[in-house]
Amino acid sequence: MNPLNPLNVNLGDRSYPIYIGNQLLEKHELITDYIFGSSAVIVSNTTVAPLYLNKVEDALKSKNIRYNAVILEDGEVYKTLKSVEQIIDTLLNQRHDRKTTLIALG
């Protein structure tokens, strides 16, 4: 499958593409084309972030998108209200708004 020919999930007005392939994070537009405001918060974990966070940050920097990252502990036991609070604290403390895009990097 060509990575620029996505598999489309047809859900009416909630439809979205799924890209499958190698080196997709190198194609900045696959990230930035889906950010409609001027800011983003990347939510990742301690296993995935060291591998891929910098590539997502590079994409955001390429379009001057303001961003913050929230790095959570890895594992099901850490999917708690405390983790949600960390995300909300970042959104509030860094003055993000309802146009901020949340990026799940996991």
N, C-alpha and C. Protein backbone atom coordinates (compact mmCIF):
# COMPACT_ATOMS: atom_id res chain seq x y z
N MET A 1 0.84 -1.18 0.00
CA MET A 1 0.00 0.00 0.00
C MET A 1 0.89 1.24 0.00
N ASN A 2 0.63 2.15 -0.89
CA ASN A 2 1.33 3.42 -0.93
C ASN A 2 0.92 4.24 0.29
N PRO A 3 1.87 4.74 1.10
CA PRO A 3 1.52 5.44 2.32
C PRO A 3 0.71 6.70 2.09
N LEU A 4 0.76 7.26 0.89
CA LEU A 4 -0.03 8.45 0.63
C LEU A 4 -1.39 8.10 0.06
N ASN A 5 -1.69 6.83 -0.07
CA ASN A 5 -3.03 6.36 -0.43
C ASN A 5 -3.59 5.66 0.80
N PRO A 6 -4.24 6.41 1.67
CA PRO A 6 -4.65 5.83 2.95
C PRO A 6 -5.84 4.89 2.83
N LEU A 7 -5.97 4.07 3.85
CA LEU A 7 -7.16 3.28 4.06
C LEU A 7 -8.14 4.21 4.74
N ASN A 8 -9.31 4.43 4.17
CA ASN A 8 -10.26 5.37 4.74
C ASN A 8 -11.31 4.64 5.57
N VAL A 9 -11.52 5.14 6.77
CA VAL A 9 -12.57 4.65 7.64
C VAL A 9 -13.76 5.57 7.43
N ASN A 10 -14.80 5.04 6.79
CA ASN A 10 -15.95 5.86 6.43
C ASN A 10 -16.99 5.87 7.54
N LEU A 11 -17.04 7.00 8.23
CA LEU A 11 -17.99 7.20 9.32
C LEU A 11 -18.76 8.50 9.12
N GLY A 12 -19.09 8.79 7.89
CA GLY A 12 -19.79 10.04 7.62
C GLY A 12 -18.90 11.23 7.92
N ASP A 13 -19.42 12.16 8.70
CA ASP A 13 -18.64 13.36 9.02
C ASP A 13 -17.53 13.09 10.03
N ARG A 14 -17.44 11.88 10.54
CA ARG A 14 -16.36 11.50 11.45
C ARG A 14 -15.34 10.57 10.78
N SER A 15 -15.32 10.55 9.45
CA SER A 15 -14.41 9.69 8.70
C SER A 15 -12.97 10.14 8.91
N TYR A 16 -12.05 9.18 8.75
CA TYR A 16 -10.64 9.52 8.90
C TYR A 16 -9.78 8.51 8.12
N PRO A 17 -8.57 8.95 7.73
CA PRO A 17 -7.67 8.05 7.02
C PRO A 17 -6.74 7.32 7.97
N ILE A 18 -6.29 6.15 7.56
CA ILE A 18 -5.25 5.41 8.27
C ILE A 18 -4.11 5.21 7.27
N TYR A 19 -2.93 5.68 7.66
CA TYR A 19 -1.75 5.53 6.82
C TYR A 19 -0.92 4.37 7.32
N ILE A 20 -0.48 3.51 6.41
CA ILE A 20 0.32 2.35 6.75
C ILE A 20 1.59 2.40 5.90
N GLY A 21 2.73 2.32 6.55
CA GLY A 21 3.97 2.32 5.78
C GLY A 21 5.17 2.65 6.64
N ASN A 22 6.31 2.72 6.00
CA ASN A 22 7.58 3.04 6.66
C ASN A 22 7.86 4.54 6.57
N GLN A 23 8.57 5.05 7.56
CA GLN A 23 9.05 6.42 7.52
C GLN A 23 7.92 7.45 7.44
N LEU A 24 6.75 7.13 7.92
CA LEU A 24 5.62 8.06 7.82
C LEU A 24 5.83 9.33 8.62
N LEU A 25 6.54 9.25 9.74
CA LEU A 25 6.77 10.45 10.54
C LEU A 25 7.72 11.43 9.86
N GLU A 26 8.40 10.98 8.83
CA GLU A 26 9.26 11.87 8.04
C GLU A 26 8.43 12.75 7.10
N LYS A 27 7.20 12.35 6.84
CA LYS A 27 6.29 13.11 5.97
C LYS A 27 5.47 14.05 6.85
N HIS A 28 6.02 15.21 7.10
CA HIS A 28 5.43 16.15 8.06
C HIS A 28 3.96 16.46 7.78
N GLU A 29 3.58 16.51 6.52
CA GLU A 29 2.21 16.87 6.19
C GLU A 29 1.20 15.84 6.70
N LEU A 30 1.63 14.62 6.93
CA LEU A 30 0.70 13.62 7.47
C LEU A 30 0.30 13.95 8.90
N ILE A 31 1.07 14.81 9.54
CA ILE A 31 0.73 15.30 10.87
C ILE A 31 0.12 16.69 10.78
N THR A 32 0.84 17.59 10.14
CA THR A 32 0.44 19.00 10.17
C THR A 32 -0.85 19.29 9.40
N ASP A 33 -1.17 18.50 8.40
CA ASP A 33 -2.41 18.74 7.65
C ASP A 33 -3.66 18.50 8.50
N TYR A 34 -3.50 17.86 9.65
CA TYR A 34 -4.64 17.55 10.50
C TYR A 34 -4.69 18.43 11.75
N ILE A 35 -3.86 19.44 11.78
CA ILE A 35 -3.87 20.39 12.89
C ILE A 35 -4.47 21.68 12.37
N PHE A 36 -5.65 22.02 12.86
CA PHE A 36 -6.40 23.14 12.31
C PHE A 36 -6.23 24.41 13.13
N GLY A 37 -5.71 24.30 14.34
CA GLY A 37 -5.40 25.47 15.14
C GLY A 37 -3.92 25.76 15.06
N SER A 38 -3.42 26.49 16.04
CA SER A 38 -2.00 26.87 16.01
C SER A 38 -1.21 26.21 17.14
N SER A 39 -1.84 25.24 17.82
CA SER A 39 -1.14 24.58 18.92
C SER A 39 -1.53 23.12 19.02
N ALA A 40 -0.64 22.37 19.69
CA ALA A 40 -0.86 20.93 19.86
C ALA A 40 -0.25 20.48 21.18
N VAL A 41 -0.80 19.40 21.71
CA VAL A 41 -0.21 18.71 22.86
C VAL A 41 -0.03 17.26 22.45
N ILE A 42 1.20 16.79 22.57
CA ILE A 42 1.53 15.41 22.25
C ILE A 42 1.48 14.61 23.54
N VAL A 43 0.72 13.54 23.55
CA VAL A 43 0.64 12.66 24.70
C VAL A 43 1.28 11.34 24.31
N SER A 44 2.31 10.95 25.05
CA SER A 44 3.02 9.71 24.75
C SER A 44 3.42 9.04 26.05
N ASN A 45 4.25 8.02 25.93
CA ASN A 45 4.69 7.32 27.14
C ASN A 45 6.21 7.14 27.12
N THR A 46 6.73 6.65 28.22
CA THR A 46 8.18 6.56 28.41
C THR A 46 8.85 5.53 27.50
N THR A 47 8.07 4.68 26.86
CA THR A 47 8.64 3.71 25.91
C THR A 47 8.66 4.28 24.50
N VAL A 48 7.58 4.88 24.07
CA VAL A 48 7.44 5.35 22.69
C VAL A 48 8.11 6.71 22.48
N ALA A 49 7.97 7.62 23.43
CA ALA A 49 8.50 8.98 23.26
C ALA A 49 9.98 9.03 22.89
N PRO A 50 10.84 8.26 23.55
CA PRO A 50 12.26 8.33 23.16
C PRO A 50 12.53 7.90 21.72
N LEU A 51 11.64 7.11 21.16
CA LEU A 51 11.82 6.61 19.80
C LEU A 51 11.28 7.55 18.72
N TYR A 52 10.16 8.24 19.01
CA TYR A 52 9.45 8.95 17.95
C TYR A 52 9.09 10.40 18.26
N LEU A 53 9.19 10.83 19.49
CA LEU A 53 8.73 12.18 19.84
C LEU A 53 9.43 13.25 19.03
N ASN A 54 10.73 13.14 18.86
CA ASN A 54 11.46 14.19 18.14
C ASN A 54 10.99 14.34 16.70
N LYS A 55 10.53 13.27 16.08
CA LYS A 55 10.04 13.34 14.70
C LYS A 55 8.71 14.10 14.63
N VAL A 56 7.85 13.88 15.61
CA VAL A 56 6.59 14.62 15.66
C VAL A 56 6.88 16.09 15.96
N GLU A 57 7.80 16.35 16.87
CA GLU A 57 8.18 17.73 17.17
C GLU A 57 8.74 18.43 15.93
N ASP A 58 9.55 17.74 15.16
CA ASP A 58 10.10 18.32 13.93
C ASP A 58 8.99 18.72 12.97
N ALA A 59 7.97 17.88 12.85
CA ALA A 59 6.84 18.19 11.97
C ALA A 59 6.13 19.45 12.45
N LEU A 60 5.90 19.56 13.76
CA LEU A 60 5.20 20.72 14.30
C LEU A 60 6.05 21.98 14.14
N LYS A 61 7.33 21.87 14.38
CA LYS A 61 8.23 23.01 14.22
C LYS A 61 8.25 23.49 12.77
N SER A 62 8.13 22.57 11.82
CA SER A 62 8.19 22.94 10.40
C SER A 62 7.05 23.87 10.01
N LYS A 63 5.97 23.87 10.77
CA LYS A 63 4.82 24.74 10.49
C LYS A 63 4.59 25.76 11.60
N ASN A 64 5.60 25.95 12.44
CA ASN A 64 5.52 26.91 13.56
C ASN A 64 4.30 26.67 14.44
N ILE A 65 4.01 25.42 14.71
CA ILE A 65 2.89 25.06 15.59
C ILE A 65 3.43 24.97 17.01
N ARG A 66 2.85 25.74 17.90
CA ARG A 66 3.25 25.71 19.31
C ARG A 66 2.81 24.38 19.89
N TYR A 67 3.67 23.77 20.69
CA TYR A 67 3.32 22.45 21.23
C TYR A 67 3.95 22.24 22.60
N ASN A 68 3.36 21.30 23.32
CA ASN A 68 3.90 20.77 24.56
C ASN A 68 3.77 19.26 24.48
N ALA A 69 4.57 18.57 25.26
CA ALA A 69 4.50 17.10 25.32
C ALA A 69 4.22 16.67 26.75
N VAL A 70 3.37 15.69 26.88
CA VAL A 70 3.09 15.06 28.17
C VAL A 70 3.54 13.62 28.03
N ILE A 71 4.53 13.24 28.82
CA ILE A 71 5.07 11.88 28.76
C ILE A 71 4.62 11.13 30.01
N LEU A 72 3.81 10.12 29.81
CA LEU A 72 3.26 9.32 30.90
C LEU A 72 4.05 8.03 31.05
N GLU A 73 3.95 7.41 32.21
CA GLU A 73 4.55 6.10 32.40
C GLU A 73 3.86 5.11 31.48
N ASP A 74 4.58 4.07 31.07
CA ASP A 74 4.04 3.08 30.15
C ASP A 74 3.35 1.95 30.92
N GLY A 75 2.22 1.51 30.41
CA GLY A 75 1.53 0.36 30.99
C GLY A 75 0.10 0.67 31.37
N GLU A 76 -0.70 -0.37 31.36
CA GLU A 76 -2.12 -0.24 31.68
C GLU A 76 -2.35 0.32 33.09
N VAL A 77 -1.48 -0.03 34.02
CA VAL A 77 -1.68 0.42 35.40
C VAL A 77 -1.56 1.93 35.54
N TYR A 78 -0.96 2.60 34.54
CA TYR A 78 -0.80 4.06 34.60
C TYR A 78 -1.90 4.80 33.86
N LYS A 79 -2.84 4.08 33.28
CA LYS A 79 -3.98 4.73 32.62
C LYS A 79 -5.02 5.04 33.68
N THR A 80 -4.75 6.14 34.38
CA THR A 80 -5.55 6.50 35.56
C THR A 80 -6.00 7.95 35.46
N LEU A 81 -6.84 8.32 36.40
CA LEU A 81 -7.28 9.71 36.49
C LEU A 81 -6.09 10.64 36.71
N LYS A 82 -5.08 10.17 37.44
CA LYS A 82 -3.88 10.98 37.66
C LYS A 82 -3.20 11.32 36.33
N SER A 83 -3.16 10.38 35.41
CA SER A 83 -2.58 10.64 34.09
C SER A 83 -3.42 11.66 33.31
N VAL A 84 -4.72 11.53 33.39
CA VAL A 84 -5.61 12.51 32.75
C VAL A 84 -5.38 13.89 33.35
N GLU A 85 -5.20 13.94 34.65
CA GLU A 85 -4.93 15.22 35.31
C GLU A 85 -3.64 15.86 34.81
N GLN A 86 -2.60 15.05 34.54
CA GLN A 86 -1.36 15.58 33.98
C GLN A 86 -1.60 16.26 32.64
N ILE A 87 -2.42 15.63 31.82
CA ILE A 87 -2.73 16.20 30.50
C ILE A 87 -3.51 17.49 30.67
N ILE A 88 -4.52 17.48 31.51
CA ILE A 88 -5.33 18.67 31.73
C ILE A 88 -4.49 19.79 32.33
N ASP A 89 -3.63 19.48 33.28
CA ASP A 89 -2.74 20.49 33.87
C ASP A 89 -1.88 21.15 32.80
N THR A 90 -1.35 20.36 31.88
CA THR A 90 -0.54 20.93 30.80
C THR A 90 -1.38 21.83 29.92
N LEU A 91 -2.56 21.37 29.56
CA LEU A 91 -3.44 22.19 28.73
C LEU A 91 -3.75 23.54 29.39
N LEU A 92 -4.04 23.50 30.68
CA LEU A 92 -4.37 24.74 31.39
C LEU A 92 -3.15 25.61 31.65
N ASN A 93 -2.09 25.01 32.18
CA ASN A 93 -0.90 25.78 32.54
C ASN A 93 -0.20 26.40 31.33
N GLN A 94 -0.30 25.75 30.19
CA GLN A 94 0.34 26.28 28.98
C GLN A 94 -0.64 27.08 28.11
N ARG A 95 -1.81 27.35 28.67
CA ARG A 95 -2.82 28.21 28.05
C ARG A 95 -3.28 27.72 26.67
N HIS A 96 -3.51 26.41 26.58
CA HIS A 96 -4.08 25.86 25.36
C HIS A 96 -5.58 26.14 25.37
N ASP A 97 -6.21 26.03 24.21
CA ASP A 97 -7.63 26.31 24.12
C ASP A 97 -8.35 25.19 23.36
N ARG A 98 -9.61 25.40 23.06
CA ARG A 98 -10.39 24.35 22.43
C ARG A 98 -9.96 24.04 20.99
N LYS A 99 -9.12 24.90 20.42
CA LYS A 99 -8.60 24.64 19.07
C LYS A 99 -7.28 23.84 19.11
N THR A 100 -6.79 23.56 20.29
CA THR A 100 -5.57 22.77 20.42
C THR A 100 -5.83 21.34 19.98
N THR A 101 -4.92 20.81 19.20
CA THR A 101 -5.01 19.42 18.75
C THR A 101 -4.24 18.53 19.72
N LEU A 102 -4.87 17.44 20.14
CA LEU A 102 -4.19 16.45 20.98
C LEU A 102 -3.69 15.33 20.06
N ILE A 103 -2.41 15.02 20.18
CA ILE A 103 -1.79 13.97 19.37
C ILE A 103 -1.43 12.83 20.30
N ALA A 104 -2.00 11.66 20.05
CA ALA A 104 -1.66 10.47 20.83
C ALA A 104 -0.54 9.74 20.09
N LEU A 105 0.62 9.70 20.71
CA LEU A 105 1.78 9.03 20.11
C LEU A 105 2.08 7.80 20.94
N GLY A 106 1.56 6.65 20.47
CA GLY A 106 1.72 5.45 21.25
C GLY A 106 1.79 4.22 20.40
